Amino acid sequence: FEQADVKIQYHTSSGRSSHTTTYFEGRMFVF
């Protein structure tokens, strides 16, 4: 097996404001 912590986000900014959406935050595995 393989495993790792992974954090995936999508960040947008319009100058005055910004927003971050977290798609995934946790552990990923391959068996």
All heavy atoms as atom14 arrays in JSON, in Angstrom:
{
  "sequence": "FEQADVKIQYHTSSGRSSHTTTYFEGRMFVF",
  "atom14_mask": [
    [1, 1, 1, 1, 1, 1, 1, 1, 1, 1, 1, 0, 0, 0],
    [1, 1, 1, 1, 1, 1, 1, 1, 1, 0, 0, 0, 0, 0],
    [1, 1, 1, 1, 1, 1, 1, 1, 1, 0, 0, 0, 0, 0],
    [1, 1, 1, 1, 1, 0, 0, 0, 0, 0, 0, 0, 0, 0],
    [1, 1, 1, 1, 1, 1, 1, 1, 0, 0, 0, 0, 0, 0],
    [1, 1, 1, 1, 1, 1, 1, 0, 0, 0, 0, 0, 0, 0],
    [1, 1, 1, 1, 1, 1, 1, 1, 1, 0, 0, 0, 0, 0],
    [1, 1, 1, 1, 1, 1, 1, 1, 0, 0, 0, 0, 0, 0],
    [1, 1, 1, 1, 1, 1, 1, 1, 1, 0, 0, 0, 0, 0],
    [1, 1, 1, 1, 1, 1, 1, 1, 1, 1, 1, 1, 0, 0],
    [1, 1, 1, 1, 1, 1, 1, 1, 1, 1, 0, 0, 0, 0],
    [1, 1, 1, 1, 1, 1, 1, 0, 0, 0, 0, 0, 0, 0],
    [1, 1, 1, 1, 1, 1, 0, 0, 0, 0, 0, 0, 0, 0],
    [1, 1, 1, 1, 1, 1, 0, 0, 0, 0, 0, 0, 0, 0],
    [1, 1, 1, 1, 0, 0, 0, 0, 0, 0, 0, 0, 0, 0],
    [1, 1, 1, 1, 1, 1, 1, 1, 1, 1, 1, 0, 0, 0],
    [1, 1, 1, 1, 1, 1, 0, 0, 0, 0, 0, 0, 0, 0],
    [1, 1, 1, 1, 1, 1, 0, 0, 0, 0, 0, 0, 0, 0],
    [1, 1, 1, 1, 1, 1, 1, 1, 1, 1, 0, 0, 0, 0],
    [1, 1, 1, 1, 1, 1, 1, 0, 0, 0, 0, 0, 0, 0],
    [1, 1, 1, 1, 1, 1, 1, 0, 0, 0, 0, 0, 0, 0],
    [1, 1, 1, 1, 1, 1, 1, 0, 0, 0, 0, 0, 0, 0],
    [1, 1, 1, 1, 1, 1, 1, 1, 1, 1, 1, 1, 0, 0],
    [1, 1, 1, 1, 1, 1, 1, 1, 1, 1, 1, 0, 0, 0],
    [1, 1, 1, 1, 1, 1, 1, 1, 1, 0, 0, 0, 0, 0],
    [1, 1, 1, 1, 0, 0, 0, 0, 0, 0, 0, 0, 0, 0],
    [1, 1, 1, 1, 1, 1, 1, 1, 1, 1, 1, 0, 0, 0],
    [1, 1, 1, 1, 1, 1, 1, 1, 0, 0, 0, 0, 0, 0],
    [1, 1, 1, 1, 1, 1, 1, 1, 1, 1, 1, 0, 0, 0],
    [1, 1, 1, 1, 1, 1, 1, 0, 0, 0, 0, 0, 0, 0],
    [1, 1, 1, 1, 1, 1, 1, 1, 1, 1, 1, 0, 0, 0]
  ],
  "atom14_positions": [
    [[0.83, -1.2, 0.0], [0.0, 0.0, 0.0], [0.86, 1.25, 0.0], [2.04, 1.23, 0.37], [-0.93, 0.02, 1.22], [-0.21, 0.21, 2.54], [0.04, 1.48, 3.05], [0.2, -0.89, 3.28], [0.7, 1.65, 4.25], [0.87, -0.73, 4.48], [1.11, 0.54, 4.97], [0.0, 0.0, 0.0], [0.0, 0.0, 0.0], [0.0, 0.0, 0.0]],
    [[0.24, 2.34, -0.42], [0.82, 3.67, -0.31], [-0.23, 4.58, 0.33], [-1.43, 4.37, 0.16], [1.2, 4.23, -1.67], [2.24, 3.43, -2.42], [2.42, 3.95, -3.84], [3.25, 4.86, -4.04], [1.7, 3.45, -4.73], [0.0, 0.0, 0.0], [0.0, 0.0, 0.0], [0.0, 0.0, 0.0], [0.0, 0.0, 0.0], [0.0, 0.0, 0.0]],
    [[0.23, 5.58, 1.06], [-0.7, 6.54, 1.65], [-0.02, 7.88, 1.82], [1.2, 7.97, 1.91], [-1.23, 6.05, 2.99], [-0.35, 6.36, 4.2], [-0.96, 7.43, 5.11], [-2.06, 7.26, 5.62], [-0.24, 8.52, 5.35], [0.0, 0.0, 0.0], [0.0, 0.0, 0.0], [0.0, 0.0, 0.0], [0.0, 0.0, 0.0], [0.0, 0.0, 0.0]],
    [[-0.81, 8.95, 1.86], [-0.29, 10.29, 2.12], [-1.44, 11.2, 2.52], [-2.6, 10.96, 2.16], [0.41, 10.86, 0.88], [0.0, 0.0, 0.0], [0.0, 0.0, 0.0], [0.0, 0.0, 0.0], [0.0, 0.0, 0.0], [0.0, 0.0, 0.0], [0.0, 0.0, 0.0], [0.0, 0.0, 0.0], [0.0, 0.0, 0.0], [0.0, 0.0, 0.0]],
    [[-1.13, 12.22, 3.29], [-2.1, 13.28, 3.56], [-2.18, 14.17, 2.33], [-1.15, 14.51, 1.73], [-1.66, 14.14, 4.75], [-1.88, 13.44, 6.08], [-2.65, 12.46, 6.11], [-1.29, 13.85, 7.09], [0.0, 0.0, 0.0], [0.0, 0.0, 0.0], [0.0, 0.0, 0.0], [0.0, 0.0, 0.0], [0.0, 0.0, 0.0], [0.0, 0.0, 0.0]],
    [[-3.39, 14.56, 1.96], [-3.59, 15.4, 0.78], [-4.61, 16.49, 1.11], [-5.63, 16.21, 1.75], [-4.09, 14.57, -0.42], [-4.43, 15.47, -1.61], [-3.05, 13.53, -0.84], [0.0, 0.0, 0.0], [0.0, 0.0, 0.0], [0.0, 0.0, 0.0], [0.0, 0.0, 0.0], [0.0, 0.0, 0.0], [0.0, 0.0, 0.0], [0.0, 0.0, 0.0]],
    [[-4.32, 17.7, 0.65], [-5.26, 18.82, 0.8], [-5.4, 19.5, -0.55], [-4.43, 19.96, -1.15], [-4.75, 19.82, 1.84], [-5.75, 20.93, 2.17], [-5.22, 21.79, 3.31], [-6.22, 22.85, 3.73], [-5.72, 23.67, 4.88], [0.0, 0.0, 0.0], [0.0, 0.0, 0.0], [0.0, 0.0, 0.0], [0.0, 0.0, 0.0], [0.0, 0.0, 0.0]],
    [[-6.65, 19.55, -1.05], [-6.94, 20.13, -2.36], [-7.94, 21.27, -2.18], [-9.01, 21.07, -1.58], [-7.51, 19.07, -3.32], [-6.53, 17.91, -3.47], [-7.81, 19.69, -4.68], [-7.1, 16.73, -4.24], [0.0, 0.0, 0.0], [0.0, 0.0, 0.0], [0.0, 0.0, 0.0], [0.0, 0.0, 0.0], [0.0, 0.0, 0.0], [0.0, 0.0, 0.0]],
    [[-7.61, 22.44, -2.71], [-8.49, 23.6, -2.57], [-8.59, 24.35, -3.89], [-7.72, 24.24, -4.76], [-7.95, 24.56, -1.49], [-7.93, 23.98, -0.09], [-7.33, 24.95, 0.93], [-6.27, 25.52, 0.69], [-8.01, 25.13, 2.05], [0.0, 0.0, 0.0], [0.0, 0.0, 0.0], [0.0, 0.0, 0.0], [0.0, 0.0, 0.0], [0.0, 0.0, 0.0]],
    [[-9.68, 25.12, -3.99], [-9.85, 26.02, -5.13], [-10.02, 27.43, -4.58], [-10.96, 27.7, -3.82], [-11.06, 25.62, -5.97], [-11.18, 26.44, -7.24], [-10.36, 26.16, -8.34], [-12.09, 27.48, -7.33], [-10.46, 26.91, -9.49], [-12.19, 28.23, -8.49], [-11.37, 27.95, -9.57], [-11.47, 28.7, -10.71], [0.0, 0.0, 0.0], [0.0, 0.0, 0.0]],
    [[-9.1, 28.31, -4.98], [-9.08, 29.67, -4.45], [-9.41, 30.68, -5.55], [-8.87, 30.6, -6.66], [-7.69, 29.99, -3.87], [-7.58, 31.38, -3.33], [-8.09, 31.75, -2.1], [-7.01, 32.51, -3.85], [-7.85, 33.03, -1.88], [-7.19, 33.51, -2.92], [0.0, 0.0, 0.0], [0.0, 0.0, 0.0], [0.0, 0.0, 0.0], [0.0, 0.0, 0.0]],
    [[-10.32, 31.59, -5.23], [-10.67, 32.67, -6.15], [-10.5, 34.0, -5.45], [-10.69, 34.11, -4.23], [-12.13, 32.53, -6.63], [-13.01, 32.53, -5.5], [-12.31, 31.26, -7.42], [0.0, 0.0, 0.0], [0.0, 0.0, 0.0], [0.0, 0.0, 0.0], [0.0, 0.0, 0.0], [0.0, 0.0, 0.0], [0.0, 0.0, 0.0], [0.0, 0.0, 0.0]],
    [[-10.17, 35.02, -6.23], [-10.01, 36.36, -5.67], [-10.48, 37.38, -6.69], [-10.17, 37.28, -7.89], [-8.53, 36.62, -5.33], [-8.35, 37.94, -4.85], [0.0, 0.0, 0.0], [0.0, 0.0, 0.0], [0.0, 0.0, 0.0], [0.0, 0.0, 0.0], [0.0, 0.0, 0.0], [0.0, 0.0, 0.0], [0.0, 0.0, 0.0], [0.0, 0.0, 0.0]],
    [[-11.24, 38.35, -6.19], [-11.77, 39.4, -7.07], [-11.18, 40.77, -6.74], [-11.72, 41.78, -7.15], [-13.3, 39.46, -6.94], [-13.68, 39.76, -5.62], [0.0, 0.0, 0.0], [0.0, 0.0, 0.0], [0.0, 0.0, 0.0], [0.0, 0.0, 0.0], [0.0, 0.0, 0.0], [0.0, 0.0, 0.0], [0.0, 0.0, 0.0], [0.0, 0.0, 0.0]],
    [[-10.08, 40.78, -6.0], [-9.47, 42.04, -5.62], [-9.9, 42.47, -4.23], [-9.09, 42.55, -3.3], [0.0, 0.0, 0.0], [0.0, 0.0, 0.0], [0.0, 0.0, 0.0], [0.0, 0.0, 0.0], [0.0, 0.0, 0.0], [0.0, 0.0, 0.0], [0.0, 0.0, 0.0], [0.0, 0.0, 0.0], [0.0, 0.0, 0.0], [0.0, 0.0, 0.0]],
    [[-11.18, 42.76, -4.06], [-11.69, 43.16, -2.75], [-11.95, 41.97, -1.83], [-11.88, 42.1, -0.61], [-12.98, 43.96, -2.92], [-12.79, 45.34, -3.52], [-14.11, 46.11, -3.5], [-13.94, 47.47, -3.98], [-14.91, 48.36, -4.01], [-16.14, 48.02, -3.61], [-14.69, 49.57, -4.47], [0.0, 0.0, 0.0], [0.0, 0.0, 0.0], [0.0, 0.0, 0.0]],
    [[-12.28, 40.85, -2.39], [-12.6, 39.69, -1.57], [-12.0, 38.44, -2.19], [-11.66, 38.41, -3.37], [-14.11, 39.53, -1.43], [-14.71, 39.29, -2.7], [0.0, 0.0, 0.0], [0.0, 0.0, 0.0], [0.0, 0.0, 0.0], [0.0, 0.0, 0.0], [0.0, 0.0, 0.0], [0.0, 0.0, 0.0], [0.0, 0.0, 0.0], [0.0, 0.0, 0.0]],
    [[-11.89, 37.42, -1.38], [-11.37, 36.14, -1.86], [-12.15, 35.01, -1.19], [-12.74, 35.2, -0.12], [-9.88, 36.0, -1.57], [-9.65, 36.03, -0.17], [0.0, 0.0, 0.0], [0.0, 0.0, 0.0], [0.0, 0.0, 0.0], [0.0, 0.0, 0.0], [0.0, 0.0, 0.0], [0.0, 0.0, 0.0], [0.0, 0.0, 0.0], [0.0, 0.0, 0.0]],
    [[-12.15, 33.86, -1.84], [-12.89, 32.72, -1.31], [-12.11, 31.44, -1.61], [-11.56, 31.28, -2.7], [-14.28, 32.63, -1.94], [-15.08, 31.47, -1.45], [-15.62, 31.41, -0.18], [-15.42, 30.3, -2.07], [-16.26, 30.28, -0.03], [-16.17, 29.58, -1.16], [0.0, 0.0, 0.0], [0.0, 0.0, 0.0], [0.0, 0.0, 0.0], [0.0, 0.0, 0.0]],
    [[-12.06, 30.56, -0.63], [-11.37, 29.29, -0.79], [-12.32, 28.15, -0.5], [-12.93, 28.1, 0.57], [-10.15, 29.19, 0.14], [-9.24, 30.26, -0.14], [-9.43, 27.87, -0.06], [0.0, 0.0, 0.0], [0.0, 0.0, 0.0], [0.0, 0.0, 0.0], [0.0, 0.0, 0.0], [0.0, 0.0, 0.0], [0.0, 0.0, 0.0], [0.0, 0.0, 0.0]],
    [[-12.46, 27.23, -1.43], [-13.28, 26.03, -1.26], [-12.36, 24.83, -1.12], [-11.49, 24.6, -1.96], [-14.21, 25.82, -2.47], [-15.05, 26.95, -2.63], [-15.06, 24.58, -2.27], [0.0, 0.0, 0.0], [0.0, 0.0, 0.0], [0.0, 0.0, 0.0], [0.0, 0.0, 0.0], [0.0, 0.0, 0.0], [0.0, 0.0, 0.0], [0.0, 0.0, 0.0]],
    [[-12.52, 24.08, -0.04], [-11.72, 22.88, 0.18], [-12.43, 21.69, -0.46], [-13.52, 21.31, -0.03], [-11.5, 22.63, 1.68], [-10.8, 23.74, 2.25], [-10.68, 21.37, 1.89], [0.0, 0.0, 0.0], [0.0, 0.0, 0.0], [0.0, 0.0, 0.0], [0.0, 0.0, 0.0], [0.0, 0.0, 0.0], [0.0, 0.0, 0.0], [0.0, 0.0, 0.0]],
    [[-11.81, 21.13, -1.48], [-12.37, 19.96, -2.15], [-12.14, 18.69, -1.34], [-13.02, 17.84, -1.22], [-11.74, 19.78, -3.53], [-12.17, 20.77, -4.58], [-11.55, 20.81, -5.83], [-13.2, 21.68, -4.34], [-11.94, 21.7, -6.81], [-13.59, 22.59, -5.31], [-12.96, 22.6, -6.54], [-13.35, 23.5, -7.51], [0.0, 0.0, 0.0], [0.0, 0.0, 0.0]],
    [[-10.92, 18.57, -0.82], [-10.56, 17.36, -0.08], [-9.49, 17.71, 0.94], [-8.55, 18.46, 0.65], [-10.02, 16.29, -1.04], [-9.66, 14.98, -0.37], [-10.58, 13.95, -0.29], [-8.41, 14.8, 0.21], [-10.25, 12.75, 0.33], [-8.07, 13.61, 0.83], [-9.0, 12.58, 0.89], [0.0, 0.0, 0.0], [0.0, 0.0, 0.0], [0.0, 0.0, 0.0]],
    [[-9.61, 17.14, 2.14], [-8.58, 17.28, 3.16], [-8.61, 16.03, 4.03], [-9.55, 15.8, 4.79], [-8.78, 18.53, 4.02], [-7.66, 18.74, 5.03], [-7.82, 20.02, 5.83], [-8.86, 20.69, 5.67], [-6.92, 20.34, 6.61], [0.0, 0.0, 0.0], [0.0, 0.0, 0.0], [0.0, 0.0, 0.0], [0.0, 0.0, 0.0], [0.0, 0.0, 0.0]],
    [[-7.62, 15.21, 3.88], [-7.58, 13.97, 4.64], [-6.49, 13.04, 4.12], [-5.42, 13.5, 3.72], [0.0, 0.0, 0.0], [0.0, 0.0, 0.0], [0.0, 0.0, 0.0], [0.0, 0.0, 0.0], [0.0, 0.0, 0.0], [0.0, 0.0, 0.0], [0.0, 0.0, 0.0], [0.0, 0.0, 0.0], [0.0, 0.0, 0.0], [0.0, 0.0, 0.0]],
    [[-6.77, 11.75, 4.1], [-5.78, 10.75, 3.72], [-6.21, 10.04, 2.43], [-7.38, 9.71, 2.25], [-5.61, 9.71, 4.83], [-5.15, 10.32, 6.13], [-5.23, 9.34, 7.29], [-4.24, 8.27, 7.2], [-4.08, 7.34, 8.13], [-4.86, 7.32, 9.2], [-3.15, 6.41, 8.0], [0.0, 0.0, 0.0], [0.0, 0.0, 0.0], [0.0, 0.0, 0.0]],
    [[-5.22, 9.83, 1.56], [-5.45, 9.05, 0.34], [-4.57, 7.81, 0.37], [-3.44, 7.85, 0.85], [-5.16, 9.9, -0.9], [-6.21, 10.95, -1.16], [-6.0, 11.74, -2.78], [-7.49, 12.77, -2.83], [0.0, 0.0, 0.0], [0.0, 0.0, 0.0], [0.0, 0.0, 0.0], [0.0, 0.0, 0.0], [0.0, 0.0, 0.0], [0.0, 0.0, 0.0]],
    [[-5.12, 6.7, -0.16], [-4.45, 5.41, -0.13], [-4.51, 4.75, -1.51], [-5.45, 4.96, -2.26], [-5.13, 4.47, 0.87], [-5.32, 5.02, 2.25], [-6.4, 5.85, 2.54], [-4.42, 4.72, 3.27], [-6.59, 6.36, 3.8], [-4.61, 5.23, 4.55], [-5.69, 6.05, 4.82], [0.0, 0.0, 0.0], [0.0, 0.0, 0.0], [0.0, 0.0, 0.0]],
    [[-3.5, 3.94, -1.76], [-3.49, 3.09, -2.95], [-3.11, 1.69, -2.49], [-2.05, 1.5, -1.88], [-2.5, 3.57, -4.03], [-2.61, 2.69, -5.27], [-2.75, 5.03, -4.39], [0.0, 0.0, 0.0], [0.0, 0.0, 0.0], [0.0, 0.0, 0.0], [0.0, 0.0, 0.0], [0.0, 0.0, 0.0], [0.0, 0.0, 0.0], [0.0, 0.0, 0.0]],
    [[-3.96, 0.69, -2.79], [-3.72, -0.7, -2.4], [-3.63, -1.57, -3.65], [-4.39, -1.38, -4.6], [-4.84, -1.22, -1.5], [-5.01, -0.43, -0.23], [-5.91, 0.62, -0.17], [-4.28, -0.75, 0.9], [-6.08, 1.35, 0.99], [-4.44, -0.03, 2.07], [-5.34, 1.03, 2.11], [0.0, 0.0, 0.0], [0.0, 0.0, 0.0], [0.0, 0.0, 0.0]]
  ]
}
